[in-house]
Amino acid sequence: SHTGDEYDGLFSINNEGSIVYTLDSAKNTRQSNCSMITIDAEELNTIYIEAKNTNSQPVESSIMVKEVAEMELLPNSVRNSYKVFDGLFKELDGALISRAEREEKSLTANELTYGEINFVHFFPLLKLLFREGDETFWDLGCGTGKTLIAASLCGFKSVCGVELLENLCKAAKEVTRKYSAMQEPQSEFKVRCNDLLKEDWLDADVIYVSSLCFAEELV
């Protein structure tokens, strides 16, 4: 992904899998041109980056590689929201809570497979979706409440979640209680332990549901 206000070339990937940045010197009117690409290299051992100038005008270029945490790439406003979010969930293991209850109750349905959002990726997307006038956010299968806190930080006035597993629902209620006590409540929270098909969520302006493990009949 490219970050920055503007750039003077085109990023592509060649047949060998190298990332290629082609500079258009006709557009490069600045004395100093600097573009940045961000690569999620967590599972990559080797990355090849090639800089190519297709114009007749000589161009001096260099490639600098810097390892940064994802949070460092976020705007300050988002970074501050992440600090609040991280403080609430740092010690909360939703996967462990989910697995323990499913094993205790012998629940094997695929749709109960635990998953959760990555705030760094989810929050900017939610900000893009949010429009002034949006009032109500619903998460169908809210787990420990990560999306609920993100939605509140985004600006939704009414934030609602439904979760089938009782212990995950309890965790989500406790997290939203702690969040409301930390600062001026930005949202009114409603968290219910119920089957999402039996819950009335028709008042939603935005609905989030992760259906990757849902059975076809449920989708």
C-alpha atoms as a PDB file:
ATOM      1  CA  SER A   1       0.000   0.000   0.000  1.00  0.00           C
ATOM      2  CA  HIS A   2       1.205   3.513  -0.741  1.00  0.00           C
ATOM      3  CA  THR A   3       1.164   6.125   1.992  1.00  0.00           C
ATOM      4  CA  GLY A   4       1.582   9.856   1.574  1.00  0.00           C
ATOM      5  CA  ASP A   5      -0.253  12.756  -0.033  1.00  0.00           C
ATOM      6  CA  GLU A   6       1.064  12.215  -3.553  1.00  0.00           C
ATOM      7  CA  TYR A   7       3.553  10.255  -5.586  1.00  0.00           C
ATOM      8  CA  ASP A   8       5.161  10.559  -9.004  1.00  0.00           C
ATOM      9  CA  GLY A   9       5.212   7.003 -10.214  1.00  0.00           C
ATOM     10  CA  LEU A  10       3.525   3.644 -10.208  1.00  0.00           C
ATOM     11  CA  PHE A  11       3.981   0.647  -7.968  1.00  0.00           C
ATOM     12  CA  SER A  12       3.666  -2.816  -9.477  1.00  0.00           C
ATOM     13  CA  ILE A  13       4.834  -6.380  -8.906  1.00  0.00           C
ATOM     14  CA  ASN A  14       6.833  -8.094 -11.647  1.00  0.00           C
ATOM     15  CA  ASN A  15       6.817 -11.757 -12.688  1.00  0.00           C
ATOM     16  CA  GLU A  16       9.506 -12.618 -10.158  1.00  0.00           C
ATOM     17  CA  GLY A  17       7.446 -11.165  -7.322  1.00  0.00           C
ATOM     18  CA  SER A  18       9.616  -8.059  -6.907  1.00  0.00           C
ATOM     19  CA  ILE A  19       7.999  -4.755  -6.013  1.00  0.00           C
ATOM     20  CA  VAL A  20       8.779  -2.237  -8.772  1.00  0.00           C
ATOM     21  CA  TYR A  21       8.440   1.529  -8.467  1.00  0.00           C
ATOM     22  CA  THR A  22       8.506   3.202 -11.892  1.00  0.00           C
ATOM     23  CA  LEU A  23       9.315   6.893 -11.693  1.00  0.00           C
ATOM     24  CA  ASP A  24       7.617   9.307 -14.106  1.00  0.00           C
ATOM     25  CA  SER A  25      10.148  12.130 -14.283  1.00  0.00           C
ATOM     26  CA  ALA A  26       7.720  14.265 -16.303  1.00  0.00           C
ATOM     27  CA  LYS A  27       5.573  14.504 -13.174  1.00  0.00           C
ATOM     28  CA  ASN A  28       8.496  14.795 -10.811  1.00  0.00           C
ATOM     29  CA  THR A  29       8.625  18.577 -10.473  1.00  0.00           C
ATOM     30  CA  ARG A  30      10.030  18.601  -6.969  1.00  0.00           C
ATOM     31  CA  GLN A  31      13.752  18.680  -6.285  1.00  0.00           C
ATOM     32  CA  SER A  32      13.348  15.900  -3.775  1.00  0.00           C
ATOM     33  CA  ASN A  33      10.965  13.040  -4.391  1.00  0.00           C
ATOM     34  CA  CYS A  34      10.203  10.614  -1.607  1.00  0.00           C
ATOM     35  CA  SER A  35       7.615   7.889  -1.733  1.00  0.00           C
ATOM     36  CA  MET A  36       6.945   5.216   0.847  1.00  0.00           C
ATOM     37  CA  ILE A  37       5.478   1.781   0.467  1.00  0.00           C
ATOM     38  CA  THR A  38       4.419  -0.298   3.423  1.00  0.00           C
ATOM     39  CA  ILE A  39       4.795  -4.072   3.345  1.00  0.00           C
ATOM     40  CA  ASP A  40       3.442  -6.495   5.901  1.00  0.00           C
ATOM     41  CA  ALA A  41       6.543  -8.670   6.081  1.00  0.00           C
ATOM     42  CA  GLU A  42       5.653 -10.723   9.125  1.00  0.00           C
ATOM     43  CA  GLU A  43       5.699 -14.003   7.187  1.00  0.00           C
ATOM     44  CA  LEU A  44       8.259 -13.076   4.516  1.00  0.00           C
ATOM     45  CA  ASN A  45      11.925 -13.979   4.714  1.00  0.00           C
ATOM     46  CA  THR A  46      13.100 -12.016   1.658  1.00  0.00           C
ATOM     47  CA  ILE A  47      11.648  -8.969  -0.110  1.00  0.00           C
ATOM     48  CA  TYR A  48      12.956  -7.686  -3.444  1.00  0.00           C
ATOM     49  CA  ILE A  49      12.407  -4.010  -4.262  1.00  0.00           C
ATOM     50  CA  GLU A  50      13.423  -2.602  -7.642  1.00  0.00           C
ATOM     51  CA  ALA A  51      13.484   1.084  -8.644  1.00  0.00           C
ATOM     52  CA  LYS A  52      13.211   1.683 -12.385  1.00  0.00           C
ATOM     53  CA  ASN A  53      13.352   4.951 -14.346  1.00  0.00           C
ATOM     54  CA  THR A  54      11.728   4.635 -17.797  1.00  0.00           C
ATOM     55  CA  ASN A  55      12.488   8.197 -18.910  1.00  0.00           C
ATOM     56  CA  SER A  56      15.600   9.593 -20.580  1.00  0.00           C
ATOM     57  CA  GLN A  57      16.280  12.049 -17.778  1.00  0.00           C
ATOM     58  CA  PRO A  58      18.780  10.605 -15.261  1.00  0.00           C
ATOM     59  CA  VAL A  59      17.436  10.262 -11.760  1.00  0.00           C
ATOM     60  CA  GLU A  60      19.362   9.552  -8.582  1.00  0.00           C
ATOM     61  CA  SER A  61      17.516   7.223  -6.274  1.00  0.00           C
ATOM     62  CA  SER A  62      18.022   5.213  -3.151  1.00  0.00           C
ATOM     63  CA  ILE A  63      16.031   2.638  -1.243  1.00  0.00           C
ATOM     64  CA  MET A  64      15.850   2.814   2.526  1.00  0.00           C
ATOM     65  CA  VAL A  65      14.388  -0.053   4.526  1.00  0.00           C
ATOM     66  CA  LYS A  66      13.054   0.628   7.996  1.00  0.00           C
ATOM     67  CA  GLU A  67      11.213  -1.768  10.266  1.00  0.00           C
ATOM     68  CA  VAL A  68       8.348  -0.090  12.080  1.00  0.00           C
ATOM     69  CA  ALA A  69       5.456  -1.196  14.243  1.00  0.00           C
ATOM     70  CA  GLU A  70       2.063  -0.960  12.600  1.00  0.00           C
ATOM     71  CA  MET A  71       0.913   1.611  15.137  1.00  0.00           C
ATOM     72  CA  GLU A  72       3.671   4.022  14.030  1.00  0.00           C
ATOM     73  CA  LEU A  73       2.015   4.265  10.613  1.00  0.00           C
ATOM     74  CA  LEU A  74      -1.256   5.521  12.086  1.00  0.00           C
ATOM     75  CA  PRO A  75      -2.253   9.201  12.329  1.00  0.00           C
ATOM     76  CA  ASN A  76      -2.021  10.619  15.832  1.00  0.00           C
ATOM     77  CA  SER A  77      -5.804  10.666  16.290  1.00  0.00           C
ATOM     78  CA  VAL A  78      -6.041   6.962  15.469  1.00  0.00           C
ATOM     79  CA  ARG A  79      -2.968   6.200  17.558  1.00  0.00           C
ATOM     80  CA  ASN A  80      -4.595   7.752  20.624  1.00  0.00           C
ATOM     81  CA  SER A  81      -7.707   5.626  20.070  1.00  0.00           C
ATOM     82  CA  TYR A  82      -5.510   2.542  19.769  1.00  0.00           C
ATOM     83  CA  LYS A  83      -3.916   3.237  23.150  1.00  0.00           C
ATOM     84  CA  VAL A  84      -7.355   3.235  24.777  1.00  0.00           C
ATOM     85  CA  PHE A  85      -8.318   0.066  22.906  1.00  0.00           C
ATOM     86  CA  ASP A  86      -5.074  -1.733  23.710  1.00  0.00           C
ATOM     87  CA  GLY A  87      -5.359  -0.887  27.395  1.00  0.00           C
ATOM     88  CA  LEU A  88      -8.753  -2.582  27.564  1.00  0.00           C
ATOM     89  CA  PHE A  89      -7.836  -5.779  25.730  1.00  0.00           C
ATOM     90  CA  LYS A  90      -4.148  -6.311  26.441  1.00  0.00           C
ATOM     91  CA  GLU A  91      -4.765  -8.927  29.145  1.00  0.00           C
ATOM     92  CA  LEU A  92      -7.997 -10.374  27.739  1.00  0.00           C
ATOM     93  CA  ASP A  93      -7.652 -13.649  25.809  1.00  0.00           C
ATOM     94  CA  GLY A  94     -10.904 -14.099  23.921  1.00  0.00           C
ATOM     95  CA  ALA A  95      -9.709 -17.230  22.134  1.00  0.00           C
ATOM     96  CA  LEU A  96      -9.028 -18.939  25.481  1.00  0.00           C
ATOM     97  CA  ILE A  97     -12.421 -17.919  26.903  1.00  0.00           C
ATOM     98  CA  SER A  98     -14.202 -19.169  23.785  1.00  0.00           C
ATOM     99  CA  ARG A  99     -12.349 -22.482  23.632  1.00  0.00           C
ATOM    100  CA  ALA A 100     -12.940 -23.233  27.328  1.00  0.00           C
ATOM    101  CA  GLU A 101     -16.690 -22.699  27.068  1.00  0.00           C
ATOM    102  CA  ARG A 102     -17.048 -24.639  23.818  1.00  0.00           C
ATOM    103  CA  GLU A 103     -15.141 -27.575  25.292  1.00  0.00           C
ATOM    104  CA  GLU A 104     -17.129 -27.462  28.534  1.00  0.00           C
ATOM    105  CA  LYS A 105     -20.450 -27.460  26.660  1.00  0.00           C
ATOM    106  CA  SER A 106     -19.279 -29.746  23.815  1.00  0.00           C
ATOM    107  CA  LEU A 107     -20.095 -27.113  21.206  1.00  0.00           C
ATOM    108  CA  THR A 108     -18.571 -28.052  17.845  1.00  0.00           C
ATOM    109  CA  ALA A 109     -20.450 -25.907  15.300  1.00  0.00           C
ATOM    110  CA  ASN A 110     -18.064 -24.148  12.893  1.00  0.00           C
ATOM    111  CA  GLU A 111     -19.906 -20.842  13.264  1.00  0.00           C
ATOM    112  CA  LEU A 112     -18.726 -20.693  16.887  1.00  0.00           C
ATOM    113  CA  THR A 113     -15.072 -20.568  15.787  1.00  0.00           C
ATOM    114  CA  TYR A 114     -13.471 -17.604  17.544  1.00  0.00           C
ATOM    115  CA  GLY A 115     -12.042 -14.672  15.611  1.00  0.00           C
ATOM    116  CA  GLU A 116     -11.366 -11.024  16.349  1.00  0.00           C
ATOM    117  CA  ILE A 117     -10.496  -7.777  14.622  1.00  0.00           C
ATOM    118  CA  ASN A 118      -7.080  -6.182  14.263  1.00  0.00           C
ATOM    119  CA  PHE A 119      -7.646  -2.589  15.405  1.00  0.00           C
ATOM    120  CA  VAL A 120      -4.898  -1.143  13.212  1.00  0.00           C
ATOM    121  CA  HIS A 121      -6.658  -2.443  10.096  1.00  0.00           C
ATOM    122  CA  PHE A 122     -10.302  -2.324  11.232  1.00  0.00           C
ATOM    123  CA  PHE A 123     -10.556   1.167  12.724  1.00  0.00           C
ATOM    124  CA  PRO A 124      -9.504   3.154   9.618  1.00  0.00           C
ATOM    125  CA  LEU A 125     -11.972   1.094   7.571  1.00  0.00           C
ATOM    126  CA  LEU A 126     -14.748   1.836  10.049  1.00  0.00           C
ATOM    127  CA  LYS A 127     -13.867   5.545   9.911  1.00  0.00           C
ATOM    128  CA  LEU A 128     -14.302   5.430   6.138  1.00  0.00           C
ATOM    129  CA  LEU A 129     -17.748   3.863   6.533  1.00  0.00           C
ATOM    130  CA  PHE A 130     -18.917   6.241   9.275  1.00  0.00           C
ATOM    131  CA  ARG A 131     -21.024   9.201   8.174  1.00  0.00           C
ATOM    132  CA  GLU A 132     -22.458  12.022  10.253  1.00  0.00           C
ATOM    133  CA  GLY A 133     -25.965  10.977  11.155  1.00  0.00           C
ATOM    134  CA  ASP A 134     -25.049   7.335  11.643  1.00  0.00           C
ATOM    135  CA  GLU A 135     -26.445   6.476  15.056  1.00  0.00           C
ATOM    136  CA  THR A 136     -26.423   2.737  15.616  1.00  0.00           C
ATOM    137  CA  PHE A 137     -23.732   0.082  15.165  1.00  0.00           C
ATOM    138  CA  TRP A 138     -24.361  -3.644  15.595  1.00  0.00           C
ATOM    139  CA  ASP A 139     -21.872  -6.502  15.825  1.00  0.00           C
ATOM    140  CA  LEU A 140     -23.496  -9.896  15.274  1.00  0.00           C
ATOM    141  CA  GLY A 141     -21.188 -12.178  17.232  1.00  0.00           C
ATOM    142  CA  CYS A 142     -19.360  -9.539  19.264  1.00  0.00           C
ATOM    143  CA  GLY A 143     -16.987 -11.818  21.210  1.00  0.00           C
ATOM    144  CA  THR A 144     -15.200  -9.840  23.919  1.00  0.00           C
ATOM    145  CA  GLY A 145     -16.409  -6.519  22.486  1.00  0.00           C
ATOM    146  CA  LYS A 146     -13.445  -5.353  20.414  1.00  0.00           C
ATOM    147  CA  THR A 147     -15.594  -4.032  17.572  1.00  0.00           C
ATOM    148  CA  LEU A 148     -17.926  -2.368  20.077  1.00  0.00           C
ATOM    149  CA  ILE A 149     -15.119  -0.279  21.561  1.00  0.00           C
ATOM    150  CA  ALA A 150     -13.817   0.543  18.077  1.00  0.00           C
ATOM    151  CA  ALA A 151     -17.294   1.682  17.020  1.00  0.00           C
ATOM    152  CA  SER A 152     -17.615   3.897  20.088  1.00  0.00           C
ATOM    153  CA  LEU A 153     -14.206   5.454  19.448  1.00  0.00           C
ATOM    154  CA  CYS A 154     -15.337   6.028  15.869  1.00  0.00           C
ATOM    155  CA  GLY A 155     -18.347   8.066  16.989  1.00  0.00           C
ATOM    156  CA  PHE A 156     -21.422   5.839  16.952  1.00  0.00           C
ATOM    157  CA  LYS A 157     -23.925   6.915  19.621  1.00  0.00           C
ATOM    158  CA  SER A 158     -25.582   3.534  20.094  1.00  0.00           C
ATOM    159  CA  VAL A 159     -23.317   0.479  20.040  1.00  0.00           C
ATOM    160  CA  CYS A 160     -24.920  -2.954  20.253  1.00  0.00           C
ATOM    161  CA  GLY A 161     -23.607  -6.486  20.251  1.00  0.00           C
ATOM    162  CA  VAL A 162     -25.056  -9.957  20.435  1.00  0.00           C
ATOM    163  CA  GLU A 163     -22.998 -12.998  21.409  1.00  0.00           C
ATOM    164  CA  LEU A 164     -24.131 -16.611  21.821  1.00  0.00           C
ATOM    165  CA  LEU A 165     -21.363 -17.764  24.178  1.00  0.00           C
ATOM    166  CA  GLU A 166     -22.166 -16.680  27.720  1.00  0.00           C
ATOM    167  CA  ASN A 167     -18.601 -16.096  28.947  1.00  0.00           C
ATOM    168  CA  LEU A 168     -17.645 -14.021  25.909  1.00  0.00           C
ATOM    169  CA  CYS A 169     -20.782 -11.960  26.440  1.00  0.00           C
ATOM    170  CA  LYS A 170     -19.825 -11.395  30.091  1.00  0.00           C
ATOM    171  CA  ALA A 171     -16.349 -10.268  28.982  1.00  0.00           C
ATOM    172  CA  ALA A 172     -17.850  -7.822  26.464  1.00  0.00           C
ATOM    173  CA  LYS A 173     -20.158  -6.354  29.119  1.00  0.00           C
ATOM    174  CA  GLU A 174     -17.236  -5.911  31.514  1.00  0.00           C
ATOM    175  CA  VAL A 175     -15.072  -4.243  28.847  1.00  0.00           C
ATOM    176  CA  THR A 176     -17.796  -1.766  27.886  1.00  0.00           C
ATOM    177  CA  ARG A 177     -18.366  -1.027  31.599  1.00  0.00           C
ATOM    178  CA  LYS A 178     -14.646  -0.311  32.123  1.00  0.00           C
ATOM    179  CA  TYR A 179     -14.519   1.848  28.996  1.00  0.00           C
ATOM    180  CA  SER A 180     -17.506   3.925  30.120  1.00  0.00           C
ATOM    181  CA  ALA A 181     -15.917   4.425  33.544  1.00  0.00           C
ATOM    182  CA  MET A 182     -12.589   5.550  32.041  1.00  0.00           C
ATOM    183  CA  GLN A 183     -13.960   8.631  30.285  1.00  0.00           C
ATOM    184  CA  GLU A 184     -17.078  10.471  29.248  1.00  0.00           C
ATOM    185  CA  PRO A 185     -19.199   7.762  27.640  1.00  0.00           C
ATOM    186  CA  GLN A 186     -19.308   8.464  23.924  1.00  0.00           C
ATOM    187  CA  SER A 187     -21.882   5.772  23.329  1.00  0.00           C
ATOM    188  CA  GLU A 188     -24.735   3.887  24.894  1.00  0.00           C
ATOM    189  CA  PHE A 189     -23.817   0.195  24.958  1.00  0.00           C
ATOM    190  CA  LYS A 190     -26.167  -2.764  24.677  1.00  0.00           C
ATOM    191  CA  VAL A 191     -24.687  -6.269  24.863  1.00  0.00           C
ATOM    192  CA  ARG A 192     -26.960  -9.312  24.822  1.00  0.00           C
ATOM    193  CA  CYS A 193     -26.360 -13.038  25.147  1.00  0.00           C
ATOM    194  CA  ASN A 194     -28.544 -14.435  22.393  1.00  0.00           C
ATOM    195  CA  ASP A 195     -28.696 -16.141  19.019  1.00  0.00           C
ATOM    196  CA  LEU A 196     -28.120 -13.480  16.355  1.00  0.00           C
ATOM    197  CA  LEU A 197     -31.066 -14.888  14.374  1.00  0.00           C
ATOM    198  CA  LYS A 198     -33.367 -14.226  17.334  1.00  0.00           C
ATOM    199  CA  GLU A 199     -32.157 -10.673  17.951  1.00  0.00           C
ATOM    200  CA  ASP A 200     -33.818  -7.585  16.474  1.00  0.00           C
ATOM    201  CA  TRP A 201     -31.065  -5.506  14.866  1.00  0.00           C
ATOM    202  CA  LEU A 202     -33.193  -3.725  12.239  1.00  0.00           C
ATOM    203  CA  ASP A 203     -32.373  -0.326  13.792  1.00  0.00           C
ATOM    204  CA  ALA A 204     -28.714  -0.644  12.681  1.00  0.00           C
ATOM    205  CA  ASP A 205     -27.077   1.948  10.447  1.00  0.00           C
ATOM    206  CA  VAL A 206     -23.926  -0.197  10.195  1.00  0.00           C
ATOM    207  CA  ILE A 207     -23.716  -3.942  10.842  1.00  0.00           C
ATOM    208  CA  TYR A 208     -20.522  -5.941  11.272  1.00  0.00           C
ATOM    209  CA  VAL A 209     -20.562  -9.716  11.069  1.00  0.00           C
ATOM    210  CA  SER A 210     -17.687 -12.084  10.383  1.00  0.00           C
ATOM    211  CA  SER A 211     -19.265 -14.961   8.465  1.00  0.00           C
ATOM    212  CA  LEU A 212     -16.117 -16.805   7.348  1.00  0.00           C
ATOM    213  CA  CYS A 213     -17.018 -19.924   9.329  1.00  0.00           C
ATOM    214  CA  PHE A 214     -20.792 -19.742   8.950  1.00  0.00           C
ATOM    215  CA  ALA A 215     -22.679 -22.683   7.486  1.00  0.00           C
ATOM    216  CA  GLU A 216     -24.251 -21.997   4.090  1.00  0.00           C
ATOM    217  CA  GLU A 217     -27.784 -22.069   5.489  1.00  0.00           C
ATOM    218  CA  LEU A 218     -26.865 -19.448   8.095  1.00  0.00           C
ATOM    219  CA  VAL A 219     -25.362 -17.116   5.501  1.00  0.00           C
END
